[in-house]
Amino acid sequence: MCNCALLEETVACGDDEELEFIRPKQLRLLREKPRVRLYICTECGTYWQVDHNERGPQAIKVSEPFSWDVFDDRPYRLRFLERLHGGEGPETCLWRDCTRRALSGMSLCSHHAYSEFLRE
């Protein structure tokens, strides 16, 4: 039985999204972009955007699959990063002129930590 309804809006796929997320859930590929693909759960009909060829791939629930071409996943990824780090801490982000609170145990807010992560 599928567990899509029990999963958060954004989840980590493990080290291998194909073996650890796509196959066990029996997702069916619908469309693809260079770094992400859109799948559907054949059991419950939940749509998932899944990262491919990324370090630490994530899957994000997509509520509007017909507008997936313009789907903005950044807010989902920022919330996931905040959840992963236990929310915000008491300190202010060290990025110049940023007034957001830093992630718990870090010196950057989710916006700047995410942009630094993308630089790799």
PDB file of N, CA and C in Angstrom:
ATOM      1  N   MET A   1       0.843  -1.182   0.000  1.00  0.00           N
ATOM      2  CA  MET A   1       0.000   0.000   0.000  1.00  0.00           C
ATOM      3  C   MET A   1       0.888   1.244   0.000  1.00  0.00           C
ATOM      4  N   CYS A   2       0.503   2.255  -0.729  1.00  0.00           N
ATOM      5  CA  CYS A   2       1.332   3.461  -0.827  1.00  0.00           C
ATOM      6  C   CYS A   2       1.190   4.308   0.437  1.00  0.00           C
ATOM      7  N   ASN A   3       2.205   5.132   0.700  1.00  0.00           N
ATOM      8  CA  ASN A   3       2.196   5.989   1.885  1.00  0.00           C
ATOM      9  C   ASN A   3       2.331   7.459   1.519  1.00  0.00           C
ATOM     10  N   CYS A   4       2.010   7.827   0.282  1.00  0.00           N
ATOM     11  CA  CYS A   4       2.171   9.214  -0.167  1.00  0.00           C
ATOM     12  C   CYS A   4       1.467  10.208   0.746  1.00  0.00           C
ATOM     13  N   ALA A   5       0.263   9.898   1.178  1.00  0.00           N
ATOM     14  CA  ALA A   5      -0.504  10.819   2.015  1.00  0.00           C
ATOM     15  C   ALA A   5       0.174  11.072   3.363  1.00  0.00           C
ATOM     16  N   LEU A   6       0.978  10.132   3.821  1.00  0.00           N
ATOM     17  CA  LEU A   6       1.650  10.274   5.114  1.00  0.00           C
ATOM     18  C   LEU A   6       2.956  11.055   5.021  1.00  0.00           C
ATOM     19  N   LEU A   7       3.485  11.215   3.809  1.00  0.00           N
ATOM     20  CA  LEU A   7       4.773  11.877   3.618  1.00  0.00           C
ATOM     21  C   LEU A   7       4.632  13.392   3.601  1.00  0.00           C
ATOM     22  N   GLU A   8       5.686  14.072   4.041  1.00  0.00           N
ATOM     23  CA  GLU A   8       5.738  15.536   3.998  1.00  0.00           C
ATOM     24  C   GLU A   8       5.693  16.003   2.544  1.00  0.00           C
ATOM     25  N   GLU A   9       5.537  17.303   2.339  1.00  0.00           N
ATOM     26  CA  GLU A   9       5.491  17.857   0.977  1.00  0.00           C
ATOM     27  C   GLU A   9       6.832  17.721   0.258  1.00  0.00           C
ATOM     28  N   THR A  10       7.921  17.670   1.015  1.00  0.00           N
ATOM     29  CA  THR A  10       9.255  17.470   0.453  1.00  0.00           C
ATOM     30  C   THR A  10       9.963  16.422   1.297  1.00  0.00           C
ATOM     31  N   VAL A  11      10.537  15.430   0.630  1.00  0.00           N
ATOM     32  CA  VAL A  11      11.226  14.351   1.332  1.00  0.00           C
ATOM     33  C   VAL A  11      12.574  14.068   0.683  1.00  0.00           C
ATOM     34  N   ALA A  12      13.500  13.557   1.475  1.00  0.00           N
ATOM     35  CA  ALA A  12      14.792  13.114   0.948  1.00  0.00           C
ATOM     36  C   ALA A  12      14.589  11.744   0.307  1.00  0.00           C
ATOM     37  N   CYS A  13      15.290  11.504  -0.786  1.00  0.00           N
ATOM     38  CA  CYS A  13      15.147  10.241  -1.526  1.00  0.00           C
ATOM     39  C   CYS A  13      16.262   9.255  -1.218  1.00  0.00           C
ATOM     40  N   GLY A  14      17.116   9.539  -0.268  1.00  0.00           N
ATOM     41  CA  GLY A  14      18.255   8.677  -0.004  1.00  0.00           C
ATOM     42  C   GLY A  14      19.382   8.989  -0.969  1.00  0.00           C
ATOM     43  N   ASP A  15      20.341   8.086  -1.070  1.00  0.00           N
ATOM     44  CA  ASP A  15      21.481   8.314  -1.959  1.00  0.00           C
ATOM     45  C   ASP A  15      21.166   7.986  -3.418  1.00  0.00           C
ATOM     46  N   ASP A  16      20.179   7.149  -3.645  1.00  0.00           N
ATOM     47  CA  ASP A  16      19.818   6.732  -5.000  1.00  0.00           C
ATOM     48  C   ASP A  16      18.308   6.818  -5.149  1.00  0.00           C
ATOM     49  N   GLU A  17      17.837   7.895  -5.757  1.00  0.00           N
ATOM     50  CA  GLU A  17      16.399   8.134  -5.866  1.00  0.00           C
ATOM     51  C   GLU A  17      15.668   7.016  -6.614  1.00  0.00           C
ATOM     52  N   GLU A  18      16.336   6.422  -7.582  1.00  0.00           N
ATOM     53  CA  GLU A  18      15.708   5.346  -8.355  1.00  0.00           C
ATOM     54  C   GLU A  18      15.453   4.118  -7.471  1.00  0.00           C
ATOM     55  N   LEU A  19      16.489   3.668  -6.774  1.00  0.00           N
ATOM     56  CA  LEU A  19      16.365   2.461  -5.946  1.00  0.00           C
ATOM     57  C   LEU A  19      15.602   2.679  -4.646  1.00  0.00           C
ATOM     58  N   GLU A  20      15.728   3.861  -4.066  1.00  0.00           N
ATOM     59  CA  GLU A  20      15.171   4.087  -2.734  1.00  0.00           C
ATOM     60  C   GLU A  20      13.816   4.799  -2.713  1.00  0.00           C
ATOM     61  N   PHE A  21      13.417   5.405  -3.834  1.00  0.00           N
ATOM     62  CA  PHE A  21      12.148   6.141  -3.823  1.00  0.00           C
ATOM     63  C   PHE A  21      11.249   5.765  -5.005  1.00  0.00           C
ATOM     64  N   ILE A  22      11.771   5.850  -6.195  1.00  0.00           N
ATOM     65  CA  ILE A  22      10.942   5.658  -7.393  1.00  0.00           C
ATOM     66  C   ILE A  22      10.453   4.216  -7.547  1.00  0.00           C
ATOM     67  N   ARG A  23      11.358   3.259  -7.518  1.00  0.00           N
ATOM     68  CA  ARG A  23      10.961   1.855  -7.688  1.00  0.00           C
ATOM     69  C   ARG A  23      10.082   1.334  -6.558  1.00  0.00           C
ATOM     70  N   PRO A  24      10.458   1.556  -5.287  1.00  0.00           N
ATOM     71  CA  PRO A  24       9.601   1.040  -4.210  1.00  0.00           C
ATOM     72  C   PRO A  24       8.171   1.604  -4.251  1.00  0.00           C
ATOM     73  N   LYS A  25       8.032   2.850  -4.693  1.00  0.00           N
ATOM     74  CA  LYS A  25       6.705   3.462  -4.766  1.00  0.00           C
ATOM     75  C   LYS A  25       6.015   3.155  -6.095  1.00  0.00           C
ATOM     76  N   GLN A  26       6.720   2.511  -7.003  1.00  0.00           N
ATOM     77  CA  GLN A  26       6.192   2.183  -8.334  1.00  0.00           C
ATOM     78  C   GLN A  26       5.670   3.423  -9.048  1.00  0.00           C
ATOM     79  N   LEU A  27       6.518   4.475  -9.024  1.00  0.00           N
ATOM     80  CA  LEU A  27       6.141   5.717  -9.687  1.00  0.00           C
ATOM     81  C   LEU A  27       6.310   5.571 -11.201  1.00  0.00           C
ATOM     82  N   ARG A  28       5.455   6.250 -11.927  1.00  0.00           N
ATOM     83  CA  ARG A  28       5.524   6.226 -13.388  1.00  0.00           C
ATOM     84  C   ARG A  28       5.966   7.594 -13.902  1.00  0.00           C
ATOM     85  N   LEU A  29       6.977   7.601 -14.748  1.00  0.00           N
ATOM     86  CA  LEU A  29       7.516   8.841 -15.319  1.00  0.00           C
ATOM     87  C   LEU A  29       6.504   9.463 -16.277  1.00  0.00           C
ATOM     88  N   LEU A  30       6.301  10.783 -16.111  1.00  0.00           N
ATOM     89  CA  LEU A  30       5.390  11.514 -16.988  1.00  0.00           C
ATOM     90  C   LEU A  30       6.113  12.497 -17.892  1.00  0.00           C
ATOM     91  N   ARG A  31       6.996  13.306 -17.292  1.00  0.00           N
ATOM     92  CA  ARG A  31       7.705  14.348 -18.050  1.00  0.00           C
ATOM     93  C   ARG A  31       9.059  14.570 -17.410  1.00  0.00           C
ATOM     94  N   GLU A  32       9.941  15.250 -18.162  1.00  0.00           N
ATOM     95  CA  GLU A  32      11.240  15.544 -17.559  1.00  0.00           C
ATOM     96  C   GLU A  32      11.812  16.858 -18.036  1.00  0.00           C
ATOM     97  N   LYS A  33      12.617  17.431 -17.160  1.00  0.00           N
ATOM     98  CA  LYS A  33      13.417  18.624 -17.411  1.00  0.00           C
ATOM     99  C   LYS A  33      14.859  18.190 -17.200  1.00  0.00           C
ATOM    100  N   PRO A  34      15.827  19.047 -17.455  1.00  0.00           N
ATOM    101  CA  PRO A  34      17.231  18.621 -17.314  1.00  0.00           C
ATOM    102  C   PRO A  34      17.609  18.006 -15.967  1.00  0.00           C
ATOM    103  N   ARG A  35      17.126  18.510 -14.846  1.00  0.00           N
ATOM    104  CA  ARG A  35      17.579  18.002 -13.537  1.00  0.00           C
ATOM    105  C   ARG A  35      16.474  17.409 -12.678  1.00  0.00           C
ATOM    106  N   VAL A  36      15.247  17.480 -13.145  1.00  0.00           N
ATOM    107  CA  VAL A  36      14.108  16.953 -12.394  1.00  0.00           C
ATOM    108  C   VAL A  36      13.145  16.247 -13.336  1.00  0.00           C
ATOM    109  N   ARG A  37      12.370  15.346 -12.747  1.00  0.00           N
ATOM    110  CA  ARG A  37      11.361  14.619 -13.524  1.00  0.00           C
ATOM    111  C   ARG A  37      10.053  14.603 -12.743  1.00  0.00           C
ATOM    112  N   LEU A  38       8.967  14.558 -13.482  1.00  0.00           N
ATOM    113  CA  LEU A  38       7.645  14.487 -12.883  1.00  0.00           C
ATOM    114  C   LEU A  38       7.137  13.051 -12.968  1.00  0.00           C
ATOM    115  N   TYR A  39       6.718  12.529 -11.830  1.00  0.00           N
ATOM    116  CA  TYR A  39       6.198  11.166 -11.729  1.00  0.00           C
ATOM    117  C   TYR A  39       4.795  11.203 -11.144  1.00  0.00           C
ATOM    118  N   ILE A  40       4.089  10.103 -11.315  1.00  0.00           N
ATOM    119  CA  ILE A  40       2.798   9.915 -10.656  1.00  0.00           C
ATOM    120  C   ILE A  40       2.823   8.580  -9.921  1.00  0.00           C
ATOM    121  N   CYS A  41       2.257   8.586  -8.728  1.00  0.00           N
ATOM    122  CA  CYS A  41       2.097   7.343  -7.982  1.00  0.00           C
ATOM    123  C   CYS A  41       0.925   6.601  -8.621  1.00  0.00           C
ATOM    124  N   THR A  42       1.178   5.407  -9.102  1.00  0.00           N
ATOM    125  CA  THR A  42       0.143   4.656  -9.808  1.00  0.00           C
ATOM    126  C   THR A  42      -0.960   4.170  -8.872  1.00  0.00           C
ATOM    127  N   GLU A  43      -0.705   4.202  -7.572  1.00  0.00           N
ATOM    128  CA  GLU A  43      -1.712   3.735  -6.624  1.00  0.00           C
ATOM    129  C   GLU A  43      -2.667   4.842  -6.162  1.00  0.00           C
ATOM    130  N   CYS A  44      -2.101   6.011  -5.809  1.00  0.00           N
ATOM    131  CA  CYS A  44      -2.955   7.059  -5.238  1.00  0.00           C
ATOM    132  C   CYS A  44      -3.101   8.297  -6.119  1.00  0.00           C
ATOM    133  N   GLY A  45      -2.275   8.418  -7.148  1.00  0.00           N
ATOM    134  CA  GLY A  45      -2.374   9.565  -8.045  1.00  0.00           C
ATOM    135  C   GLY A  45      -1.616  10.800  -7.600  1.00  0.00           C
ATOM    136  N   THR A  46      -0.790  10.686  -6.564  1.00  0.00           N
ATOM    137  CA  THR A  46       0.027  11.820  -6.129  1.00  0.00           C
ATOM    138  C   THR A  46       1.125  12.066  -7.155  1.00  0.00           C
ATOM    139  N   TYR A  47       1.338  13.336  -7.486  1.00  0.00           N
ATOM    140  CA  TYR A  47       2.402  13.720  -8.417  1.00  0.00           C
ATOM    141  C   TYR A  47       3.637  14.105  -7.618  1.00  0.00           C
ATOM    142  N   TRP A  48       4.795  13.660  -8.082  1.00  0.00           N
ATOM    143  CA  TRP A  48       6.068  13.934  -7.418  1.00  0.00           C
ATOM    144  C   TRP A  48       7.070  14.500  -8.422  1.00  0.00           C
ATOM    145  N   GLN A  49       7.724  15.578  -8.045  1.00  0.00           N
ATOM    146  CA  GLN A  49       8.897  16.051  -8.786  1.00  0.00           C
ATOM    147  C   GLN A  49      10.104  15.458  -8.079  1.00  0.00           C
ATOM    148  N   VAL A  50      10.926  14.722  -8.811  1.00  0.00           N
ATOM    149  CA  VAL A  50      12.066  14.037  -8.204  1.00  0.00           C
ATOM    150  C   VAL A  50      13.356  14.529  -8.859  1.00  0.00           C
ATOM    151  N   ASP A  51      14.335  14.917  -8.020  1.00  0.00           N
ATOM    152  CA  ASP A  51      15.652  15.316  -8.507  1.00  0.00           C
ATOM    153  C   ASP A  51      16.360  14.110  -9.102  1.00  0.00           C
ATOM    154  N   HIS A  52      17.158  14.369 -10.117  1.00  0.00           N
ATOM    155  CA  HIS A  52      17.986  13.316 -10.701  1.00  0.00           C
ATOM    156  C   HIS A  52      19.419  13.819 -10.829  1.00  0.00           C
ATOM    157  N   ASN A  53      20.361  12.899 -10.580  1.00  0.00           N
ATOM    158  CA  ASN A  53      21.787  13.210 -10.691  1.00  0.00           C
ATOM    159  C   ASN A  53      22.199  14.369  -9.793  1.00  0.00           C
ATOM    160  N   GLU A  54      21.655  14.402  -8.610  1.00  0.00           N
ATOM    161  CA  GLU A  54      21.977  15.443  -7.639  1.00  0.00           C
ATOM    162  C   GLU A  54      22.490  14.790  -6.368  1.00  0.00           C
ATOM    163  N   ARG A  55      23.281  15.521  -5.626  1.00  0.00           N
ATOM    164  CA  ARG A  55      23.662  15.065  -4.292  1.00  0.00           C
ATOM    165  C   ARG A  55      22.472  15.279  -3.377  1.00  0.00           C
ATOM    166  N   GLY A  56      22.080  14.237  -2.675  1.00  0.00           N
ATOM    167  CA  GLY A  56      20.943  14.340  -1.763  1.00  0.00           C
ATOM    168  C   GLY A  56      19.647  14.666  -2.470  1.00  0.00           C
ATOM    169  N   PRO A  57      19.222  13.822  -3.421  1.00  0.00           N
ATOM    170  CA  PRO A  57      18.004  14.136  -4.179  1.00  0.00           C
ATOM    171  C   PRO A  57      16.781  14.248  -3.279  1.00  0.00           C
ATOM    172  N   GLN A  58      15.864  15.096  -3.709  1.00  0.00           N
ATOM    173  CA  GLN A  58      14.624  15.320  -2.983  1.00  0.00           C
ATOM    174  C   GLN A  58      13.443  15.038  -3.899  1.00  0.00           C
ATOM    175  N   ALA A  59      12.312  14.716  -3.291  1.00  0.00           N
ATOM    176  CA  ALA A  59      11.057  14.573  -4.005  1.00  0.00           C
ATOM    177  C   ALA A  59      10.081  15.581  -3.418  1.00  0.00           C
ATOM    178  N   ILE A  60       9.370  16.269  -4.290  1.00  0.00           N
ATOM    179  CA  ILE A  60       8.440  17.309  -3.872  1.00  0.00           C
ATOM    180  C   ILE A  60       7.065  16.990  -4.447  1.00  0.00           C
ATOM    181  N   LYS A  61       6.043  17.027  -3.599  1.00  0.00           N
ATOM    182  CA  LYS A  61       4.680  16.820  -4.075  1.00  0.00           C
ATOM    183  C   LYS A  61       4.272  18.003  -4.956  1.00  0.00           C
ATOM    184  N   VAL A  62       3.660  17.686  -6.073  1.00  0.00           N
ATOM    185  CA  VAL A  62       3.211  18.703  -7.025  1.00  0.00           C
ATOM    186  C   VAL A  62       1.690  18.652  -7.075  1.00  0.00           C
ATOM    187  N   SER A  63       1.047  19.748  -6.688  1.00  0.00           N
ATOM    188  CA  SER A  63      -0.420  19.761  -6.652  1.00  0.00           C
ATOM    189  C   SER A  63      -1.033  20.128  -8.003  1.00  0.00           C
ATOM    190  N   GLU A  64      -0.295  20.835  -8.837  1.00  0.00           N
ATOM    191  CA  GLU A  64      -0.802  21.258 -10.147  1.00  0.00           C
ATOM    192  C   GLU A  64       0.106  20.720 -11.257  1.00  0.00           C
ATOM    193  N   PRO A  65      -0.037  19.446 -11.622  1.00  0.00           N
ATOM    194  CA  PRO A  65       0.874  18.857 -12.611  1.00  0.00           C
ATOM    195  C   PRO A  65       0.785  19.477 -14.000  1.00  0.00           C
ATOM    196  N   PHE A  66      -0.351  20.091 -14.331  1.00  0.00           N
ATOM    197  CA  PHE A  66      -0.498  20.665 -15.664  1.00  0.00           C
ATOM    198  C   PHE A  66       0.233  21.994 -15.816  1.00  0.00           C
ATOM    199  N   SER A  67       0.662  22.583 -14.698  1.00  0.00           N
ATOM    200  CA  SER A  67       1.476  23.802 -14.763  1.00  0.00           C
ATOM    201  C   SER A  67       2.885  23.526 -14.246  1.00  0.00           C
ATOM    202  N   TRP A  68       3.301  22.274 -14.312  1.00  0.00           N
ATOM    203  CA  TRP A  68       4.612  21.871 -13.806  1.00  0.00           C
ATOM    204  C   TRP A  68       5.759  22.596 -14.500  1.00  0.00           C
ATOM    205  N   ASP A  69       5.568  22.985 -15.761  1.00  0.00           N
ATOM    206  CA  ASP A  69       6.626  23.696 -16.490  1.00  0.00           C
ATOM    207  C   ASP A  69       7.049  24.981 -15.796  1.00  0.00           C
ATOM    208  N   VAL A  70       6.164  25.585 -15.030  1.00  0.00           N
ATOM    209  CA  VAL A  70       6.478  26.836 -14.327  1.00  0.00           C
ATOM    210  C   VAL A  70       6.458  26.652 -12.808  1.00  0.00           C
ATOM    211  N   PHE A  71       6.485  25.401 -12.362  1.00  0.00           N
ATOM    212  CA  PHE A  71       6.465  25.087 -10.933  1.00  0.00           C
ATOM    213  C   PHE A  71       7.708  25.655 -10.254  1.00  0.00           C
ATOM    214  N   ASP A  72       7.503  26.447  -9.206  1.00  0.00           N
ATOM    215  CA  ASP A  72       8.609  27.034  -8.439  1.00  0.00           C
ATOM    216  C   ASP A  72       8.861  26.170  -7.209  1.00  0.00           C
ATOM    217  N   ASP A  73       9.934  25.395  -7.257  1.00  0.00           N
ATOM    218  CA  ASP A  73      10.213  24.482  -6.147  1.00  0.00           C
ATOM    219  C   ASP A  73      11.035  25.124  -5.030  1.00  0.00           C
ATOM    220  N   ARG A  74      11.519  26.327  -5.227  1.00  0.00           N
ATOM    221  CA  ARG A  74      12.371  26.975  -4.221  1.00  0.00           C
ATOM    222  C   ARG A  74      11.718  27.082  -2.836  1.00  0.00           C
ATOM    223  N   PRO A  75      10.453  27.518  -2.720  1.00  0.00           N
ATOM    224  CA  PRO A  75       9.844  27.586  -1.381  1.00  0.00           C
ATOM    225  C   PRO A  75       9.801  26.229  -0.682  1.00  0.00           C
ATOM    226  N   TYR A  76       9.565  25.166  -1.421  1.00  0.00           N
ATOM    227  CA  TYR A  76       9.538  23.824  -0.846  1.00  0.00           C
ATOM    228  C   TYR A  76      10.926  23.421  -0.343  1.00  0.00           C
ATOM    229  N   ARG A  77      11.937  23.741  -1.151  1.00  0.00           N
ATOM    230  CA  ARG A  77      13.309  23.393  -0.778  1.00  0.00           C
ATOM    231  C   ARG A  77      13.767  24.195   0.440  1.00  0.00           C
ATOM    232  N   LEU A  78      13.354  25.446   0.540  1.00  0.00           N
ATOM    233  CA  LEU A  78      13.715  26.271   1.703  1.00  0.00           C
ATOM    234  C   LEU A  78      13.057  25.734   2.968  1.00  0.00           C
ATOM    235  N   ARG A  79      11.777  25.366   2.881  1.00  0.00           N
ATOM    236  CA  ARG A  79      11.085  24.800   4.052  1.00  0.00           C
ATOM    237  C   ARG A  79      11.722  23.471   4.463  1.00  0.00           C
ATOM    238  N   PHE A  80      12.123  22.662   3.470  1.00  0.00           N
ATOM    239  CA  PHE A  80      12.779  21.391   3.769  1.00  0.00           C
ATOM    240  C   PHE A  80      14.101  21.647   4.494  1.00  0.00           C
ATOM    241  N   LEU A  81      14.877  22.610   4.028  1.00  0.00           N
ATOM    242  CA  LEU A  81      16.153  22.959   4.654  1.00  0.00           C
ATOM    243  C   LEU A  81      15.937  23.427   6.091  1.00  0.00           C
ATOM    244  N   GLU A  82      14.913  24.233   6.309  1.00  0.00           N
ATOM    245  CA  GLU A  82      14.604  24.698   7.664  1.00  0.00           C
ATOM    246  C   GLU A  82      14.217  23.517   8.561  1.00  0.00           C
ATOM    247  N   ARG A  83      13.393  22.627   8.047  1.00  0.00           N
ATOM    248  CA  ARG A  83      12.981  21.447   8.816  1.00  0.00           C
ATOM    249  C   ARG A  83      14.179  20.559   9.130  1.00  0.00           C
ATOM    250  N   LEU A  84      15.054  20.382   8.146  1.00  0.00           N
ATOM    251  CA  LEU A  84      16.237  19.545   8.291  1.00  0.00           C
ATOM    252  C   LEU A  84      17.157  20.057   9.402  1.00  0.00           C
ATOM    253  N   HIS A  85      17.232  21.366   9.547  1.00  0.00           N
ATOM    254  CA  HIS A  85      18.126  21.976  10.540  1.00  0.00           C
ATOM    255  C   HIS A  85      17.422  22.331  11.842  1.00  0.00           C
ATOM    256  N   GLY A  86      16.184  21.932  11.975  1.00  0.00           N
ATOM    257  CA  GLY A  86      15.472  22.202  13.228  1.00  0.00           C
ATOM    258  C   GLY A  86      14.967  23.618  13.363  1.00  0.00           C
ATOM    259  N   GLY A  87      14.737  24.281  12.243  1.00  0.00           N
ATOM    260  CA  GLY A  87      14.192  25.638  12.263  1.00  0.00           C
ATOM    261  C   GLY A  87      15.277  26.701  12.357  1.00  0.00           C
ATOM    262  N   GLU A  88      14.845  27.874  12.753  1.00  0.00           N
ATOM    263  CA  GLU A  88      15.760  29.004  12.881  1.00  0.00           C
ATOM    264  C   GLU A  88      16.285  29.089  14.309  1.00  0.00           C
ATOM    265  N   GLY A  89      17.495  29.598  14.418  1.00  0.00           N
ATOM    266  CA  GLY A  89      18.086  29.834  15.727  1.00  0.00           C
ATOM    267  C   GLY A  89      17.907  31.286  16.130  1.00  0.00           C
ATOM    268  N   PRO A  90      18.531  31.688  17.224  1.00  0.00           N
ATOM    269  CA  PRO A  90      18.375  33.061  17.719  1.00  0.00           C
ATOM    270  C   PRO A  90      19.240  34.083  16.985  1.00  0.00           C
ATOM    271  N   GLU A  91      20.271  33.614  16.280  1.00  0.00           N
ATOM    272  CA  GLU A  91      21.223  34.528  15.632  1.00  0.00           C
ATOM    273  C   GLU A  91      20.705  35.055  14.295  1.00  0.00           C
ATOM    274  N   THR A  92      21.219  36.208  13.898  1.00  0.00           N
ATOM    275  CA  THR A  92      20.902  36.788  12.596  1.00  0.00           C
ATOM    276  C   THR A  92      21.882  36.235  11.565  1.00  0.00           C
ATOM    277  N   CYS A  93      21.413  36.057  10.354  1.00  0.00           N
ATOM    278  CA  CYS A  93      22.246  35.575   9.250  1.00  0.00           C
ATOM    279  C   CYS A  93      23.460  36.483   9.073  1.00  0.00           C
ATOM    280  N   LEU A  94      24.604  35.876   8.827  1.00  0.00           N
ATOM    281  CA  LEU A  94      25.835  36.651   8.667  1.00  0.00           C
ATOM    282  C   LEU A  94      26.015  37.253   7.278  1.00  0.00           C
ATOM    283  N   TRP A  95      25.149  36.918   6.346  1.00  0.00           N
ATOM    284  CA  TRP A  95      25.238  37.461   4.996  1.00  0.00           C
ATOM    285  C   TRP A  95      25.038  38.974   5.064  1.00  0.00           C
ATOM    286  N   ARG A  96      25.841  39.696   4.341  1.00  0.00           N
ATOM    287  CA  ARG A  96      25.797  41.162   4.383  1.00  0.00           C
ATOM    288  C   ARG A  96      24.394  41.696   4.086  1.00  0.00           C
ATOM    289  N   ASP A  97      23.922  42.560   4.947  1.00  0.00           N
ATOM    290  CA  ASP A  97      22.627  43.236   4.859  1.00  0.00           C
ATOM    291  C   ASP A  97      21.413  42.307   4.986  1.00  0.00           C
ATOM    292  N   CYS A  98      21.612  41.090   5.401  1.00  0.00           N
ATOM    293  CA  CYS A  98      20.487  40.175   5.599  1.00  0.00           C
ATOM    294  C   CYS A  98      19.980  40.319   7.032  1.00  0.00           C
ATOM    295  N   THR A  99      18.678  40.392   7.185  1.00  0.00           N
ATOM    296  CA  THR A  99      18.090  40.538   8.518  1.00  0.00           C
ATOM    297  C   THR A  99      17.331  39.281   8.959  1.00  0.00           C
ATOM    298  N   ARG A 100      17.370  38.241   8.142  1.00  0.00           N
ATOM    299  CA  ARG A 100      16.698  36.987   8.508  1.00  0.00           C
ATOM    300  C   ARG A 100      17.462  36.281   9.623  1.00  0.00           C
ATOM    301  N   ARG A 101      16.749  35.412  10.322  1.00  0.00           N
ATOM    302  CA  ARG A 101      17.401  34.611  11.365  1.00  0.00           C
ATOM    303  C   ARG A 101      18.113  33.431  10.721  1.00  0.00           C
ATOM    304  N   ALA A 102      19.272  33.110  11.264  1.00  0.00           N
ATOM    305  CA  ALA A 102      20.068  31.985  10.760  1.00  0.00           C
ATOM    306  C   ALA A 102      19.405  30.668  11.149  1.00  0.00           C
ATOM    307  N   LEU A 103      19.694  29.642  10.368  1.00  0.00           N
ATOM    308  CA  LEU A 103      19.221  28.312  10.707  1.00  0.00           C
ATOM    309  C   LEU A 103      19.840  27.874  12.024  1.00  0.00           C
ATOM    310  N   SER A 104      19.149  27.071  12.748  1.00  0.00           N
ATOM    311  CA  SER A 104      19.637  26.578  14.029  1.00  0.00           C
ATOM    312  C   SER A 104      20.984  25.875  13.862  1.00  0.00           C
ATOM    313  N   GLY A 105      21.976  26.323  14.617  1.00  0.00           N
ATOM    314  CA  GLY A 105      23.303  25.727  14.559  1.00  0.00           C
ATOM    315  C   GLY A 105      24.128  26.160  13.357  1.00  0.00           C
ATOM    316  N   MET A 106      23.649  27.130  12.609  1.00  0.00           N
ATOM    317  CA  MET A 106      24.384  27.613  11.436  1.00  0.00           C
ATOM    318  C   MET A 106      24.532  29.127  11.516  1.00  0.00           C
ATOM    319  N   SER A 107      25.278  29.674  10.581  1.00  0.00           N
ATOM    320  CA  SER A 107      25.460  31.117  10.568  1.00  0.00           C
ATOM    321  C   SER A 107      24.724  31.793   9.413  1.00  0.00           C
ATOM    322  N   LEU A 108      24.029  30.999   8.596  1.00  0.00           N
ATOM    323  CA  LEU A 108      23.289  31.550   7.466  1.00  0.00           C
ATOM    324  C   LEU A 108      21.809  31.215   7.565  1.00  0.00           C
ATOM    325  N   CYS A 109      20.973  32.077   6.994  1.00  0.00           N
ATOM    326  CA  CYS A 109      19.539  31.804   6.907  1.00  0.00           C
ATOM    327  C   CYS A 109      19.309  30.757   5.814  1.00  0.00           C
ATOM    328  N   SER A 110      18.103  30.255   5.723  1.00  0.00           N
ATOM    329  CA  SER A 110      17.815  29.223   4.724  1.00  0.00           C
ATOM    330  C   SER A 110      18.041  29.728   3.299  1.00  0.00           C
ATOM    331  N   HIS A 111      17.718  30.975   3.024  1.00  0.00           N
ATOM    332  CA  HIS A 111      17.896  31.526   1.675  1.00  0.00           C
ATOM    333  C   HIS A 111      19.365  31.534   1.253  1.00  0.00           C
ATOM    334  N   HIS A 112      20.229  31.977   2.156  1.00  0.00           N
ATOM    335  CA  HIS A 112      21.648  32.059   1.808  1.00  0.00           C
ATOM    336  C   HIS A 112      22.347  30.707   1.907  1.00  0.00           C
ATOM    337  N   ALA A 113      21.919  29.862   2.826  1.00  0.00           N
ATOM    338  CA  ALA A 113      22.483  28.506   2.895  1.00  0.00           C
ATOM    339  C   ALA A 113      22.128  27.752   1.618  1.00  0.00           C
ATOM    340  N   TYR A 114      20.915  27.918   1.139  1.00  0.00           N
ATOM    341  CA  TYR A 114      20.467  27.249  -0.088  1.00  0.00           C
ATOM    342  C   TYR A 114      21.257  27.751  -1.299  1.00  0.00           C
ATOM    343  N   SER A 115      21.445  29.057  -1.394  1.00  0.00           N
ATOM    344  CA  SER A 115      22.194  29.595  -2.543  1.00  0.00           C
ATOM    345  C   SER A 115      23.647  29.150  -2.503  1.00  0.00           C
ATOM    346  N   GLU A 116      24.227  29.021  -1.309  1.00  0.00           N
ATOM    347  CA  GLU A 116      25.600  28.517  -1.197  1.00  0.00           C
ATOM    348  C   GLU A 116      25.675  27.037  -1.572  1.00  0.00           C
ATOM    349  N   PHE A 117      24.656  26.270  -1.190  1.00  0.00           N
ATOM    350  CA  PHE A 117      24.590  24.855  -1.531  1.00  0.00           C
ATOM    351  C   PHE A 117      24.543  24.680  -3.049  1.00  0.00           C
ATOM    352  N   LEU A 118      23.845  25.545  -3.736  1.00  0.00           N
ATOM    353  CA  LEU A 118      23.717  25.454  -5.193  1.00  0.00           C
ATOM    354  C   LEU A 118      25.039  25.723  -5.909  1.00  0.00           C
ATOM    355  N   ARG A 119      25.921  26.467  -5.275  1.00  0.00           N
ATOM    356  CA  ARG A 119      27.217  26.812  -5.895  1.00  0.00           C
ATOM    357  C   ARG A 119      28.132  25.613  -6.039  1.00  0.00           C
ATOM    358  N   GLU A 120      28.093  24.714  -5.064  1.00  0.00           N
ATOM    359  CA  GLU A 120      28.962  23.538  -4.983  1.00  0.00           C
ATOM    360  C   GLU A 120      30.194  23.710  -5.812  1.00  0.00           C
TER     361      GLU A 120
END
